[in-house]
Amino acid sequence: MNAVLSVIGKDKVGIIANVSNLLLEKNANILDINQTIMKDNFFTMVMLVDLSNINISLKKLNEDLMEKGKILKVSIKMQHEDVFNSMHLV
């Protein structure tokens, strides 16, 4: 199962490292990543993540990601790839 992970907030050192390390700890594999810094240090990142081999429940992973977002003062959202694709059909 794949998921789309989005991270949005003010840019600061360590956002990518912290999110990536959390995913590593949970045995999730980052398939693709795109990040950019927009005007006024606005950080955005989108990851495609393979969750096939995670070592915790999806609910717990989502809770851990949201907690990490609070610590980093960014918004972290996770959506199943199929839900993401369905939302963006024309």
Protein backbone atom coordinates (compact mmCIF):
# COMPACT_ATOMS: atom_id res chain seq x y z
CA MET A 1 0.00 0.00 0.00
CA ASN A 2 1.26 3.44 -0.91
CA ALA A 3 0.40 6.75 0.71
CA VAL A 4 0.92 10.38 -0.19
CA LEU A 5 2.45 12.38 2.63
CA SER A 6 2.38 16.18 2.59
CA VAL A 7 4.32 18.51 4.88
CA ILE A 8 3.68 22.25 4.93
CA GLY A 9 5.00 25.01 7.18
CA LYS A 10 7.70 27.58 7.79
CA ASP A 11 11.10 26.35 6.66
CA LYS A 12 13.59 25.31 9.33
CA VAL A 13 16.55 22.99 9.62
CA GLY A 14 15.71 19.31 9.99
CA ILE A 15 12.20 18.92 8.60
CA ILE A 16 13.18 16.40 5.91
CA ALA A 17 15.55 14.56 8.28
CA ASN A 18 12.98 14.29 11.06
CA VAL A 19 10.15 13.06 8.84
CA SER A 20 12.44 10.67 6.96
CA ASN A 21 13.88 9.25 10.19
CA LEU A 22 10.40 8.66 11.60
CA LEU A 23 9.45 6.76 8.43
CA LEU A 24 12.69 4.76 8.66
CA GLU A 25 11.94 3.79 12.27
CA LYS A 26 8.52 2.49 11.18
CA ASN A 27 9.99 0.58 8.20
CA ALA A 28 8.26 2.74 5.58
CA ASN A 29 10.02 3.22 2.25
CA ILE A 30 10.13 6.63 0.54
CA LEU A 31 9.48 6.00 -3.16
CA ASP A 32 9.53 9.61 -4.33
CA ILE A 33 10.00 13.00 -2.75
CA ASN A 34 9.52 16.55 -3.96
CA GLN A 35 10.19 19.57 -1.79
CA THR A 36 10.47 23.27 -2.35
CA ILE A 37 10.85 26.51 -0.47
CA MET A 38 8.31 29.07 -1.60
CA LYS A 39 8.23 32.82 -1.02
CA ASP A 40 8.97 33.93 2.55
CA ASN A 41 10.50 30.59 3.61
CA PHE A 42 7.29 28.57 3.14
CA PHE A 43 8.32 24.90 3.06
CA THR A 44 6.32 22.30 1.12
CA MET A 45 7.11 18.62 0.66
CA VAL A 46 5.21 15.74 -0.90
CA MET A 47 6.34 12.14 -0.53
CA LEU A 48 5.08 8.91 -2.04
CA VAL A 49 5.65 6.29 0.65
CA ASP A 50 5.37 2.50 0.51
CA LEU A 51 3.72 1.32 3.73
CA SER A 52 3.63 -2.40 2.85
CA ASN A 53 6.17 -3.36 5.51
CA ILE A 54 5.49 -0.92 8.33
CA ASN A 55 5.87 -2.33 11.83
CA ILE A 56 2.92 -0.45 13.39
CA SER A 57 -0.72 0.21 12.48
CA LEU A 58 -1.65 2.91 9.97
CA LYS A 59 -3.56 4.70 12.72
CA LYS A 60 -0.48 4.76 14.99
CA LEU A 61 1.75 5.90 12.11
CA ASN A 62 -0.64 8.76 11.35
CA GLU A 63 -0.69 9.74 15.05
CA ASP A 64 3.13 9.66 15.18
CA LEU A 65 3.34 11.81 12.05
CA MET A 66 0.88 14.36 13.46
CA GLU A 67 2.85 14.46 16.73
CA LYS A 68 6.08 15.00 14.79
CA GLY A 69 4.34 17.83 12.93
CA LYS A 70 3.43 19.50 16.23
CA ILE A 71 7.03 19.26 17.40
CA LEU A 72 8.33 20.70 14.10
CA LYS A 73 5.46 23.23 13.92
CA VAL A 74 4.43 22.01 10.46
CA SER A 75 1.32 20.30 9.11
CA ILE A 76 1.82 16.64 8.16
CA LYS A 77 -1.02 14.82 6.38
CA MET A 78 -1.11 11.24 5.09
CA GLN A 79 -3.59 9.93 2.50
CA HIS A 80 -3.89 6.52 0.92
CA GLU A 81 -2.67 6.80 -2.68
CA ASP A 82 -6.06 5.65 -4.05
CA VAL A 83 -7.91 8.35 -2.07
CA PHE A 84 -5.44 10.97 -3.26
CA ASN A 85 -5.86 9.86 -6.90
CA SER A 86 -9.67 9.76 -6.63
CA MET A 87 -9.76 13.30 -5.24
CA HIS A 88 -7.78 14.59 -8.19
CA LEU A 89 -9.69 13.01 -11.09
CA VAL A 90 -11.00 15.50 -13.60
